[in-house]
Amino acid sequence: MEEEKMNLRLDIDVHKLEAEKLRKGKNKADEDLDSLKTDYKKLRLSMRTARLEKTSEQWHEEFKKKRTRLMDGK
């Protein structure tokens, strides 16, 4: 009976340690996600400031217009 109690206590300790490890991992993941969101916002602001926020389709269309103008000699 005492041995069974000891084994149960050990099991509880192991589960507590595993739960704490998972909590720490989740906290780290949340911090990393927050950091990525902040970096993304800064990047978007920089792109807006530098006027680079166009989609690839918009860039392609602008390139086509400029190329057409150059080919026409204008």
Protein backbone atom coordinates (compact mmCIF):
# COMPACT_ATOMS: atom_id res chain seq x y z
CA MET A 1 0.00 0.00 0.00
CA GLU A 2 2.78 2.47 0.91
CA GLU A 3 4.68 1.53 -2.23
CA GLU A 4 1.57 2.21 -4.30
CA LYS A 5 1.18 5.64 -2.68
CA MET A 6 4.82 6.41 -3.43
CA ASN A 7 4.37 5.37 -7.06
CA LEU A 8 1.27 7.56 -7.33
CA ARG A 9 3.15 10.53 -5.88
CA LEU A 10 5.95 9.97 -8.38
CA ASP A 11 3.41 9.79 -11.21
CA ILE A 12 1.85 13.04 -10.02
CA ASP A 13 5.27 14.71 -9.89
CA VAL A 14 6.07 13.53 -13.42
CA HIS A 15 2.73 14.84 -14.71
CA LYS A 16 3.27 18.18 -12.98
CA LEU A 17 6.72 18.51 -14.56
CA GLU A 18 5.36 17.62 -17.99
CA ALA A 19 2.52 20.13 -17.62
CA GLU A 20 4.99 22.86 -16.56
CA LYS A 21 7.22 22.05 -19.53
CA LEU A 22 4.23 22.32 -21.89
CA ARG A 23 3.18 25.65 -20.32
CA LYS A 24 6.69 27.03 -20.75
CA GLY A 25 6.75 25.84 -24.36
CA LYS A 26 3.39 27.46 -25.03
CA ASN A 27 4.55 30.71 -23.42
CA LYS A 28 7.69 30.68 -25.57
CA ALA A 29 5.63 30.01 -28.70
CA ASP A 30 3.28 32.88 -27.78
CA GLU A 31 6.25 35.22 -27.26
CA ASP A 32 7.73 34.18 -30.61
CA LEU A 33 4.39 34.76 -32.32
CA ASP A 34 4.07 38.22 -30.77
CA SER A 35 7.60 39.02 -31.91
CA LEU A 36 6.81 37.89 -35.46
CA LYS A 37 3.64 40.00 -35.50
CA THR A 38 5.62 43.05 -34.37
CA ASP A 39 8.30 42.43 -37.01
CA TYR A 40 5.60 42.00 -39.66
CA LYS A 41 3.95 45.29 -38.70
CA LYS A 42 7.32 47.07 -38.87
CA LEU A 43 8.02 45.53 -42.27
CA ARG A 44 4.62 46.58 -43.62
CA LEU A 45 5.19 50.12 -42.35
CA SER A 46 8.62 50.21 -43.99
CA MET A 47 7.15 48.93 -47.24
CA ARG A 48 4.41 51.53 -47.12
CA THR A 49 6.96 54.23 -46.44
CA ALA A 50 9.12 53.02 -49.33
CA ARG A 51 6.03 52.54 -51.56
CA LEU A 52 6.72 48.83 -51.99
CA GLU A 53 3.32 47.64 -50.85
CA LYS A 54 2.04 46.73 -54.31
CA THR A 55 1.09 43.18 -55.11
CA SER A 56 3.15 41.25 -57.61
CA GLU A 57 0.28 41.64 -60.06
CA GLN A 58 0.36 45.43 -59.63
CA TRP A 59 4.14 45.46 -60.15
CA HIS A 60 3.75 43.31 -63.26
CA GLU A 61 1.13 45.66 -64.68
CA GLU A 62 3.29 48.71 -63.97
CA PHE A 63 6.29 47.02 -65.59
CA LYS A 64 4.24 46.18 -68.68
CA LYS A 65 3.10 49.81 -69.01
CA LYS A 66 6.65 51.15 -68.69
CA ARG A 67 8.00 48.57 -71.13
CA THR A 68 5.29 49.46 -73.63
CA ARG A 69 6.14 53.15 -73.28
CA LEU A 70 9.83 52.39 -73.84
CA MET A 71 9.11 50.21 -76.86
CA ASP A 72 6.93 52.93 -78.38
CA GLY A 73 9.77 55.42 -77.88
CA LYS A 74 7.86 57.67 -75.51
